[in-house]
Amino acid sequence: SIFRARRVLSGAPEVEPFTPEPMRYTPAAPVCAAQNAAR
């Protein structure tokens, strides 16, 4: 399972199950690249 924890630095984190929300593809959808690939 995947969990998301908020307020980690408080020492009393709020932990709950997390459902990922992948982005749908559009021509405006950002893509990240490694340095050498971008260069």
PDB file of all heavy atoms in Angstrom:
ATOM      1  N   SER A   1       0.844  -1.201   0.000  1.00  0.00           N
ATOM      2  CA  SER A   1       0.000   0.000   0.000  1.00  0.00           C
ATOM      3  C   SER A   1       0.873   1.242   0.000  1.00  0.00           C
ATOM      4  O   SER A   1       2.032   1.205   0.407  1.00  0.00           O
ATOM      5  CB  SER A   1      -0.928   0.018   1.216  1.00  0.00           C
ATOM      6  OG  SER A   1      -1.823  -1.074   1.197  1.00  0.00           O
ATOM      7  N   ILE A   2       0.285   2.358  -0.453  1.00  0.00           N
ATOM      8  CA  ILE A   2       0.975   3.652  -0.443  1.00  0.00           C
ATOM      9  C   ILE A   2       0.311   4.537   0.604  1.00  0.00           C
ATOM     10  O   ILE A   2      -0.925   4.587   0.705  1.00  0.00           O
ATOM     11  CB  ILE A   2       0.900   4.334  -1.822  1.00  0.00           C
ATOM     12  CG1 ILE A   2       1.587   3.464  -2.885  1.00  0.00           C
ATOM     13  CG2 ILE A   2       1.562   5.718  -1.772  1.00  0.00           C
ATOM     14  CD1 ILE A   2       1.469   4.030  -4.288  1.00  0.00           C
ATOM     15  N   PHE A   3       1.144   5.233   1.364  1.00  0.00           N
ATOM     16  CA  PHE A   3       0.650   6.125   2.395  1.00  0.00           C
ATOM     17  C   PHE A   3       1.238   7.520   2.200  1.00  0.00           C
ATOM     18  O   PHE A   3       2.353   7.671   1.706  1.00  0.00           O
ATOM     19  CB  PHE A   3       1.025   5.606   3.790  1.00  0.00           C
ATOM     20  CG  PHE A   3       0.392   4.292   4.129  1.00  0.00           C
ATOM     21  CD1 PHE A   3       1.024   3.097   3.800  1.00  0.00           C
ATOM     22  CD2 PHE A   3      -0.843   4.249   4.751  1.00  0.00           C
ATOM     23  CE1 PHE A   3       0.437   1.881   4.093  1.00  0.00           C
ATOM     24  CE2 PHE A   3      -1.443   3.037   5.048  1.00  0.00           C
ATOM     25  CZ  PHE A   3      -0.797   1.845   4.718  1.00  0.00           C
ATOM     26  N   ARG A   4       0.443   8.498   2.612  1.00  0.00           N
ATOM     27  CA  ARG A   4       0.899   9.887   2.621  1.00  0.00           C
ATOM     28  C   ARG A   4       0.941  10.348   4.076  1.00  0.00           C
ATOM     29  O   ARG A   4      -0.011  10.104   4.830  1.00  0.00           O
ATOM     30  CB  ARG A   4      -0.072  10.748   1.824  1.00  0.00           C
ATOM     31  CG  ARG A   4       0.306  12.212   1.679  1.00  0.00           C
ATOM     32  CD  ARG A   4      -0.783  12.930   0.892  1.00  0.00           C
ATOM     33  NE  ARG A   4      -0.303  14.142   0.238  1.00  0.00           N
ATOM     34  CZ  ARG A   4      -0.974  14.782  -0.713  1.00  0.00           C
ATOM     35  NH1 ARG A   4      -2.140  14.316  -1.132  1.00  0.00           N
ATOM     36  NH2 ARG A   4      -0.480  15.862  -1.276  1.00  0.00           N
ATOM     37  N   ALA A   5       2.037  10.998   4.453  1.00  0.00           N
ATOM     38  CA  ALA A   5       2.174  11.511   5.813  1.00  0.00           C
ATOM     39  C   ALA A   5       2.343  13.023   5.757  1.00  0.00           C
ATOM     40  O   ALA A   5       3.239  13.527   5.084  1.00  0.00           O
ATOM     41  CB  ALA A   5       3.368  10.868   6.503  1.00  0.00           C
ATOM     42  N   ARG A   6       1.484  13.726   6.453  1.00  0.00           N
ATOM     43  CA  ARG A   6       1.595  15.176   6.591  1.00  0.00           C
ATOM     44  C   ARG A   6       2.067  15.512   8.008  1.00  0.00           C
ATOM     45  O   ARG A   6       1.953  14.715   8.918  1.00  0.00           O
ATOM     46  CB  ARG A   6       0.253  15.852   6.308  1.00  0.00           C
ATOM     47  CG  ARG A   6      -0.210  15.738   4.843  1.00  0.00           C
ATOM     48  CD  ARG A   6      -1.467  16.571   4.640  1.00  0.00           C
ATOM     49  NE  ARG A   6      -1.857  16.701   3.256  1.00  0.00           N
ATOM     50  CZ  ARG A   6      -2.746  15.910   2.649  1.00  0.00           C
ATOM     51  NH1 ARG A   6      -3.316  14.921   3.316  1.00  0.00           N
ATOM     52  NH2 ARG A   6      -3.073  16.115   1.381  1.00  0.00           N
ATOM     53  N   ARG A   7       2.588  16.726   8.169  1.00  0.00           N
ATOM     54  CA  ARG A   7       3.090  17.202   9.460  1.00  0.00           C
ATOM     55  C   ARG A   7       4.173  16.262  10.013  1.00  0.00           C
ATOM     56  O   ARG A   7       4.210  15.959  11.211  1.00  0.00           O
ATOM     57  CB  ARG A   7       1.943  17.375  10.465  1.00  0.00           C
ATOM     58  CG  ARG A   7       0.863  18.363  10.006  1.00  0.00           C
ATOM     59  CD  ARG A   7      -0.209  18.587  11.064  1.00  0.00           C
ATOM     60  NE  ARG A   7       0.336  19.290  12.223  1.00  0.00           N
ATOM     61  CZ  ARG A   7       0.434  18.740  13.432  1.00  0.00           C
ATOM     62  NH1 ARG A   7       0.047  17.495  13.633  1.00  0.00           N
ATOM     63  NH2 ARG A   7       0.919  19.438  14.438  1.00  0.00           N
ATOM     64  N   VAL A   8       5.051  15.829   9.144  1.00  0.00           N
ATOM     65  CA  VAL A   8       6.118  14.908   9.534  1.00  0.00           C
ATOM     66  C   VAL A   8       7.019  15.531  10.589  1.00  0.00           C
ATOM     67  O   VAL A   8       7.445  14.865  11.548  1.00  0.00           O
ATOM     68  CB  VAL A   8       6.944  14.504   8.297  1.00  0.00           C
ATOM     69  CG1 VAL A   8       8.127  13.627   8.692  1.00  0.00           C
ATOM     70  CG2 VAL A   8       6.061  13.780   7.283  1.00  0.00           C
ATOM     71  N   LEU A   9       7.304  16.813  10.450  1.00  0.00           N
ATOM     72  CA  LEU A   9       8.249  17.472  11.353  1.00  0.00           C
ATOM     73  C   LEU A   9       7.649  17.738  12.731  1.00  0.00           C
ATOM     74  O   LEU A   9       8.373  18.106  13.660  1.00  0.00           O
ATOM     75  CB  LEU A   9       8.748  18.780  10.742  1.00  0.00           C
ATOM     76  CG  LEU A   9       9.488  18.642   9.411  1.00  0.00           C
ATOM     77  CD1 LEU A   9       9.913  20.002   8.895  1.00  0.00           C
ATOM     78  CD2 LEU A   9      10.704  17.740   9.561  1.00  0.00           C
ATOM     79  N   SER A  10       6.365  17.539  12.886  1.00  0.00           N
ATOM     80  CA  SER A  10       5.718  17.798  14.170  1.00  0.00           C
ATOM     81  C   SER A  10       6.014  16.720  15.197  1.00  0.00           C
ATOM     82  O   SER A  10       5.825  16.935  16.400  1.00  0.00           O
ATOM     83  CB  SER A  10       4.199  17.896  13.981  1.00  0.00           C
ATOM     84  OG  SER A  10       3.648  16.610  13.720  1.00  0.00           O
ATOM     85  N   GLY A  11       6.429  15.551  14.737  1.00  0.00           N
ATOM     86  CA  GLY A  11       6.598  14.419  15.630  1.00  0.00           C
ATOM     87  C   GLY A  11       5.325  13.625  15.825  1.00  0.00           C
ATOM     88  O   GLY A  11       5.332  12.569  16.453  1.00  0.00           O
ATOM     89  N   ALA A  12       4.207  14.134  15.307  1.00  0.00           N
ATOM     90  CA  ALA A  12       2.925  13.426  15.367  1.00  0.00           C
ATOM     91  C   ALA A  12       2.313  13.450  13.970  1.00  0.00           C
ATOM     92  O   ALA A  12       1.297  14.109  13.729  1.00  0.00           O
ATOM     93  CB  ALA A  12       1.997  14.077  16.387  1.00  0.00           C
ATOM     94  N   PRO A  13       2.925  12.759  13.024  1.00  0.00           N
ATOM     95  CA  PRO A  13       2.486  12.848  11.632  1.00  0.00           C
ATOM     96  C   PRO A  13       1.083  12.284  11.426  1.00  0.00           C
ATOM     97  O   PRO A  13       0.651  11.373  12.137  1.00  0.00           O
ATOM     98  CB  PRO A  13       3.530  12.006  10.884  1.00  0.00           C
ATOM     99  CG  PRO A  13       4.083  11.074  11.902  1.00  0.00           C
ATOM    100  CD  PRO A  13       4.056  11.836  13.198  1.00  0.00           C
ATOM    101  N   GLU A  14       0.406  12.868  10.444  1.00  0.00           N
ATOM    102  CA  GLU A  14      -0.925  12.403  10.063  1.00  0.00           C
ATOM    103  C   GLU A  14      -0.763  11.486   8.858  1.00  0.00           C
ATOM    104  O   GLU A  14      -0.423  11.935   7.764  1.00  0.00           O
ATOM    105  CB  GLU A  14      -1.813  13.599   9.727  1.00  0.00           C
ATOM    106  CG  GLU A  14      -1.978  14.570  10.888  1.00  0.00           C
ATOM    107  CD  GLU A  14      -2.582  15.896  10.476  1.00  0.00           C
ATOM    108  OE1 GLU A  14      -2.807  16.094   9.254  1.00  0.00           O
ATOM    109  OE2 GLU A  14      -2.819  16.738  11.354  1.00  0.00           O
ATOM    110  N   VAL A  15      -0.971  10.199   9.052  1.00  0.00           N
ATOM    111  CA  VAL A  15      -0.713   9.186   8.029  1.00  0.00           C
ATOM    112  C   VAL A  15      -2.041   8.637   7.524  1.00  0.00           C
ATOM    113  O   VAL A  15      -2.908   8.256   8.312  1.00  0.00           O
ATOM    114  CB  VAL A  15       0.156   8.040   8.594  1.00  0.00           C
ATOM    115  CG1 VAL A  15       0.471   7.019   7.507  1.00  0.00           C
ATOM    116  CG2 VAL A  15       1.442   8.588   9.200  1.00  0.00           C
ATOM    117  N   GLU A  16      -2.183   8.581   6.214  1.00  0.00           N
ATOM    118  CA  GLU A  16      -3.406   8.038   5.634  1.00  0.00           C
ATOM    119  C   GLU A  16      -3.078   7.366   4.305  1.00  0.00           C
ATOM    120  O   GLU A  16      -2.074   7.686   3.658  1.00  0.00           O
ATOM    121  CB  GLU A  16      -4.431   9.149   5.414  1.00  0.00           C
ATOM    122  CG  GLU A  16      -3.960  10.260   4.487  1.00  0.00           C
ATOM    123  CD  GLU A  16      -4.949  11.411   4.403  1.00  0.00           C
ATOM    124  OE1 GLU A  16      -5.937  11.391   5.152  1.00  0.00           O
ATOM    125  OE2 GLU A  16      -4.726  12.314   3.569  1.00  0.00           O
ATOM    126  N   PRO A  17      -3.898   6.413   3.889  1.00  0.00           N
ATOM    127  CA  PRO A  17      -3.682   5.795   2.572  1.00  0.00           C
ATOM    128  C   PRO A  17      -3.740   6.855   1.476  1.00  0.00           C
ATOM    129  O   PRO A  17      -4.492   7.825   1.574  1.00  0.00           O
ATOM    130  CB  PRO A  17      -4.846   4.802   2.447  1.00  0.00           C
ATOM    131  CG  PRO A  17      -5.262   4.527   3.856  1.00  0.00           C
ATOM    132  CD  PRO A  17      -5.035   5.812   4.610  1.00  0.00           C
ATOM    133  N   PHE A  18      -2.936   6.641   0.451  1.00  0.00           N
ATOM    134  CA  PHE A  18      -2.850   7.616  -0.634  1.00  0.00           C
ATOM    135  C   PHE A  18      -3.142   6.927  -1.958  1.00  0.00           C
ATOM    136  O   PHE A  18      -2.595   5.867  -2.265  1.00  0.00           O
ATOM    137  CB  PHE A  18      -1.448   8.227  -0.680  1.00  0.00           C
ATOM    138  CG  PHE A  18      -1.226   9.153  -1.843  1.00  0.00           C
ATOM    139  CD1 PHE A  18      -1.822  10.410  -1.875  1.00  0.00           C
ATOM    140  CD2 PHE A  18      -0.440   8.759  -2.924  1.00  0.00           C
ATOM    141  CE1 PHE A  18      -1.620  11.264  -2.950  1.00  0.00           C
ATOM    142  CE2 PHE A  18      -0.234   9.609  -4.005  1.00  0.00           C
ATOM    143  CZ  PHE A  18      -0.828  10.865  -4.022  1.00  0.00           C
ATOM    144  N   THR A  19      -4.004   7.556  -2.743  1.00  0.00           N
ATOM    145  CA  THR A  19      -4.294   7.088  -4.090  1.00  0.00           C
ATOM    146  C   THR A  19      -3.628   8.027  -5.083  1.00  0.00           C
ATOM    147  O   THR A  19      -3.997   9.209  -5.169  1.00  0.00           O
ATOM    148  CB  THR A  19      -5.815   7.052  -4.353  1.00  0.00           C
ATOM    149  OG1 THR A  19      -6.437   6.183  -3.403  1.00  0.00           O
ATOM    150  CG2 THR A  19      -6.094   6.542  -5.763  1.00  0.00           C
ATOM    151  N   PRO A  20      -2.640   7.561  -5.832  1.00  0.00           N
ATOM    152  CA  PRO A  20      -1.956   8.433  -6.801  1.00  0.00           C
ATOM    153  C   PRO A  20      -2.927   8.959  -7.847  1.00  0.00           C
ATOM    154  O   PRO A  20      -3.944   8.324  -8.156  1.00  0.00           O
ATOM    155  CB  PRO A  20      -0.908   7.502  -7.423  1.00  0.00           C
ATOM    156  CG  PRO A  20      -0.701   6.432  -6.399  1.00  0.00           C
ATOM    157  CD  PRO A  20      -2.037   6.220  -5.762  1.00  0.00           C
ATOM    158  N   GLU A  21      -2.584  10.116  -8.395  1.00  0.00           N
ATOM    159  CA  GLU A  21      -3.423  10.770  -9.391  1.00  0.00           C
ATOM    160  C   GLU A  21      -2.584  11.118 -10.616  1.00  0.00           C
ATOM    161  O   GLU A  21      -2.262  12.290 -10.858  1.00  0.00           O
ATOM    162  CB  GLU A  21      -4.050  12.031  -8.794  1.00  0.00           C
ATOM    163  CG  GLU A  21      -4.880  11.774  -7.540  1.00  0.00           C
ATOM    164  CD  GLU A  21      -5.346  13.052  -6.871  1.00  0.00           C
ATOM    165  OE1 GLU A  21      -4.876  14.127  -7.278  1.00  0.00           O
ATOM    166  OE2 GLU A  21      -6.169  12.967  -5.944  1.00  0.00           O
ATOM    167  N   PRO A  22      -2.195  10.117 -11.410  1.00  0.00           N
ATOM    168  CA  PRO A  22      -1.344  10.411 -12.574  1.00  0.00           C
ATOM    169  C   PRO A  22      -2.001  11.412 -13.518  1.00  0.00           C
ATOM    170  O   PRO A  22      -3.223  11.406 -13.716  1.00  0.00           O
ATOM    171  CB  PRO A  22      -1.194   9.042 -13.244  1.00  0.00           C
ATOM    172  CG  PRO A  22      -1.484   8.047 -12.164  1.00  0.00           C
ATOM    173  CD  PRO A  22      -2.514   8.694 -11.292  1.00  0.00           C
ATOM    174  N   MET A  23      -1.184  12.264 -14.101  1.00  0.00           N
ATOM    175  CA  MET A  23      -1.681  13.267 -15.032  1.00  0.00           C
ATOM    176  C   MET A  23      -2.090  12.615 -16.352  1.00  0.00           C
ATOM    177  O   MET A  23      -1.418  11.711 -16.847  1.00  0.00           O
ATOM    178  CB  MET A  23      -0.593  14.320 -15.283  1.00  0.00           C
ATOM    179  CG  MET A  23      -0.978  15.406 -16.260  1.00  0.00           C
ATOM    180  SD  MET A  23       0.314  16.666 -16.444  1.00  0.00           S
ATOM    181  CE  MET A  23       0.032  17.645 -14.981  1.00  0.00           C
ATOM    182  N   ARG A  24      -3.166  13.080 -16.912  1.00  0.00           N
ATOM    183  CA  ARG A  24      -3.554  12.646 -18.255  1.00  0.00           C
ATOM    184  C   ARG A  24      -2.694  13.371 -19.280  1.00  0.00           C
ATOM    185  O   ARG A  24      -2.324  14.532 -19.089  1.00  0.00           O
ATOM    186  CB  ARG A  24      -5.032  12.959 -18.516  1.00  0.00           C
ATOM    187  CG  ARG A  24      -6.000  12.119 -17.700  1.00  0.00           C
ATOM    188  CD  ARG A  24      -7.437  12.494 -18.026  1.00  0.00           C
ATOM    189  NE  ARG A  24      -8.384  11.679 -17.296  1.00  0.00           N
ATOM    190  CZ  ARG A  24      -8.840  10.507 -17.721  1.00  0.00           C
ATOM    191  NH1 ARG A  24      -8.425  10.026 -18.882  1.00  0.00           N
ATOM    192  NH2 ARG A  24      -9.709   9.831 -17.008  1.00  0.00           N
ATOM    193  N   TYR A  25      -2.421  12.704 -20.368  1.00  0.00           N
ATOM    194  CA  TYR A  25      -1.571  13.327 -21.382  1.00  0.00           C
ATOM    195  C   TYR A  25      -2.335  14.384 -22.175  1.00  0.00           C
ATOM    196  O   TYR A  25      -3.450  14.168 -22.639  1.00  0.00           O
ATOM    197  CB  TYR A  25      -1.009  12.296 -22.359  1.00  0.00           C
ATOM    198  CG  TYR A  25      -0.139  12.980 -23.401  1.00  0.00           C
ATOM    199  CD1 TYR A  25       1.167  13.319 -23.104  1.00  0.00           C
ATOM    200  CD2 TYR A  25      -0.662  13.341 -24.650  1.00  0.00           C
ATOM    201  CE1 TYR A  25       1.960  13.995 -24.018  1.00  0.00           C
ATOM    202  CE2 TYR A  25       0.122  14.013 -25.570  1.00  0.00           C
ATOM    203  CZ  TYR A  25       1.423  14.333 -25.252  1.00  0.00           C
ATOM    204  OH  TYR A  25       2.210  15.017 -26.146  1.00  0.00           O
ATOM    205  N   THR A  26      -1.715  15.545 -22.310  1.00  0.00           N
ATOM    206  CA  THR A  26      -2.105  16.564 -23.281  1.00  0.00           C
ATOM    207  C   THR A  26      -0.801  17.177 -23.788  1.00  0.00           C
ATOM    208  O   THR A  26       0.256  17.017 -23.162  1.00  0.00           O
ATOM    209  CB  THR A  26      -2.967  17.690 -22.656  1.00  0.00           C
ATOM    210  OG1 THR A  26      -2.141  18.491 -21.806  1.00  0.00           O
ATOM    211  CG2 THR A  26      -4.134  17.120 -21.860  1.00  0.00           C
ATOM    212  N   PRO A  27      -0.818  17.883 -24.908  1.00  0.00           N
ATOM    213  CA  PRO A  27       0.420  18.531 -25.382  1.00  0.00           C
ATOM    214  C   PRO A  27       0.975  19.563 -24.407  1.00  0.00           C
ATOM    215  O   PRO A  27       2.130  19.956 -24.533  1.00  0.00           O
ATOM    216  CB  PRO A  27      -0.026  19.198 -26.692  1.00  0.00           C
ATOM    217  CG  PRO A  27      -1.189  18.382 -27.152  1.00  0.00           C
ATOM    218  CD  PRO A  27      -1.906  17.976 -25.894  1.00  0.00           C
ATOM    219  N   ALA A  28       0.169  19.964 -23.427  1.00  0.00           N
ATOM    220  CA  ALA A  28       0.639  20.928 -22.434  1.00  0.00           C
ATOM    221  C   ALA A  28       1.165  20.256 -21.170  1.00  0.00           C
ATOM    222  O   ALA A  28       1.673  20.937 -20.274  1.00  0.00           O
ATOM    223  CB  ALA A  28      -0.488  21.882 -22.061  1.00  0.00           C
ATOM    224  N   ALA A  29       1.053  18.930 -21.088  1.00  0.00           N
ATOM    225  CA  ALA A  29       1.468  18.224 -19.876  1.00  0.00           C
ATOM    226  C   ALA A  29       2.990  18.273 -19.719  1.00  0.00           C
ATOM    227  O   ALA A  29       3.718  17.888 -20.632  1.00  0.00           O
ATOM    228  CB  ALA A  29       0.998  16.772 -19.938  1.00  0.00           C
ATOM    229  N   PRO A  30       3.506  18.751 -18.593  1.00  0.00           N
ATOM    230  CA  PRO A  30       4.957  18.887 -18.432  1.00  0.00           C
ATOM    231  C   PRO A  30       5.664  17.538 -18.376  1.00  0.00           C
ATOM    232  O   PRO A  30       5.141  16.555 -17.842  1.00  0.00           O
ATOM    233  CB  PRO A  30       5.101  19.631 -17.106  1.00  0.00           C
ATOM    234  CG  PRO A  30       3.760  20.207 -16.806  1.00  0.00           C
ATOM    235  CD  PRO A  30       2.771  19.286 -17.429  1.00  0.00           C
ATOM    236  N   VAL A  31       6.873  17.515 -18.897  1.00  0.00           N
ATOM    237  CA  VAL A  31       7.760  16.351 -18.832  1.00  0.00           C
ATOM    238  C   VAL A  31       9.095  16.822 -18.248  1.00  0.00           C
ATOM    239  O   VAL A  31       9.602  17.883 -18.620  1.00  0.00           O
ATOM    240  CB  VAL A  31       7.986  15.727 -20.226  1.00  0.00           C
ATOM    241  CG1 VAL A  31       9.022  14.607 -20.163  1.00  0.00           C
ATOM    242  CG2 VAL A  31       6.663  15.205 -20.781  1.00  0.00           C
ATOM    243  N   CYS A  32       9.644  16.053 -17.333  1.00  0.00           N
ATOM    244  CA  CYS A  32      10.943  16.369 -16.732  1.00  0.00           C
ATOM    245  C   CYS A  32      12.025  15.543 -17.404  1.00  0.00           C
ATOM    246  O   CYS A  32      11.774  14.431 -17.885  1.00  0.00           O
ATOM    247  CB  CYS A  32      10.926  16.089 -15.238  1.00  0.00           C
ATOM    248  SG  CYS A  32       9.763  17.110 -14.311  1.00  0.00           S
ATOM    249  N   ALA A  33      13.243  16.066 -17.414  1.00  0.00           N
ATOM    250  CA  ALA A  33      14.330  15.375 -18.102  1.00  0.00           C
ATOM    251  C   ALA A  33      15.620  15.457 -17.305  1.00  0.00           C
ATOM    252  O   ALA A  33      15.870  16.435 -16.587  1.00  0.00           O
ATOM    253  CB  ALA A  33      14.552  15.969 -19.491  1.00  0.00           C
ATOM    254  N   ALA A  34      16.437  14.416 -17.455  1.00  0.00           N
ATOM    255  CA  ALA A  34      17.780  14.430 -16.898  1.00  0.00           C
ATOM    256  C   ALA A  34      18.616  15.494 -17.612  1.00  0.00           C
ATOM    257  O   ALA A  34      18.359  15.846 -18.767  1.00  0.00           O
ATOM    258  CB  ALA A  34      18.420  13.052 -17.061  1.00  0.00           C
ATOM    259  N   GLN A  35      19.634  15.981 -16.909  1.00  0.00           N
ATOM    260  CA  GLN A  35      20.465  17.060 -17.444  1.00  0.00           C
ATOM    261  C   GLN A  35      21.032  16.731 -18.825  1.00  0.00           C
ATOM    262  O   GLN A  35      20.932  17.528 -19.767  1.00  0.00           O
ATOM    263  CB  GLN A  35      21.620  17.338 -16.474  1.00  0.00           C
ATOM    264  CG  GLN A  35      21.220  18.062 -15.215  1.00  0.00           C
ATOM    265  CD  GLN A  35      21.098  19.562 -15.423  1.00  0.00           C
ATOM    266  OE1 GLN A  35      21.663  20.129 -16.353  1.00  0.00           O
ATOM    267  NE2 GLN A  35      20.355  20.201 -14.549  1.00  0.00           N
ATOM    268  N   ASN A  36      21.661  15.567 -18.968  1.00  0.00           N
ATOM    269  CA  ASN A  36      22.335  15.242 -20.232  1.00  0.00           C
ATOM    270  C   ASN A  36      21.353  15.104 -21.387  1.00  0.00           C
ATOM    271  O   ASN A  36      21.667  15.471 -22.522  1.00  0.00           O
ATOM    272  CB  ASN A  36      23.161  13.966 -20.090  1.00  0.00           C
ATOM    273  CG  ASN A  36      24.412  14.186 -19.254  1.00  0.00           C
ATOM    274  OD1 ASN A  36      24.843  15.319 -19.064  1.00  0.00           O
ATOM    275  ND2 ASN A  36      24.984  13.114 -18.743  1.00  0.00           N
ATOM    276  N   ALA A  37      20.159  14.580 -21.097  1.00  0.00           N
ATOM    277  CA  ALA A  37      19.151  14.471 -22.148  1.00  0.00           C
ATOM    278  C   ALA A  37      18.702  15.852 -22.593  1.00  0.00           C
ATOM    279  O   ALA A  37      18.568  16.136 -23.789  1.00  0.00           O
ATOM    280  CB  ALA A  37      17.968  13.657 -21.647  1.00  0.00           C
ATOM    281  N   ALA A  38      18.462  16.734 -21.630  1.00  0.00           N
ATOM    282  CA  ALA A  38      18.008  18.080 -21.971  1.00  0.00           C
ATOM    283  C   ALA A  38      19.064  18.853 -22.749  1.00  0.00           C
ATOM    284  O   ALA A  38      18.743  19.660 -23.628  1.00  0.00           O
ATOM    285  CB  ALA A  38      17.636  18.837 -20.701  1.00  0.00           C
ATOM    286  N   ARG A  39      20.329  18.593 -22.454  1.00  0.00           N
ATOM    287  CA  ARG A  39      21.401  19.337 -23.097  1.00  0.00           C
ATOM    288  C   ARG A  39      21.769  18.802 -24.477  1.00  0.00           C
ATOM    289  O   ARG A  39      22.144  19.570 -25.364  1.00  0.00           O
ATOM    290  CB  ARG A  39      22.655  19.288 -22.215  1.00  0.00           C
ATOM    291  CG  ARG A  39      22.540  20.095 -20.935  1.00  0.00           C
ATOM    292  CD  ARG A  39      23.769  19.902 -20.070  1.00  0.00           C
ATOM    293  NE  ARG A  39      23.726  20.745 -18.875  1.00  0.00           N
ATOM    294  CZ  ARG A  39      24.634  20.713 -17.920  1.00  0.00           C
ATOM    295  NH1 ARG A  39      25.659  19.880 -18.013  1.00  0.00           N
ATOM    296  NH2 ARG A  39      24.529  21.512 -16.872  1.00  0.00           N
TER     297      ARG A  39
END
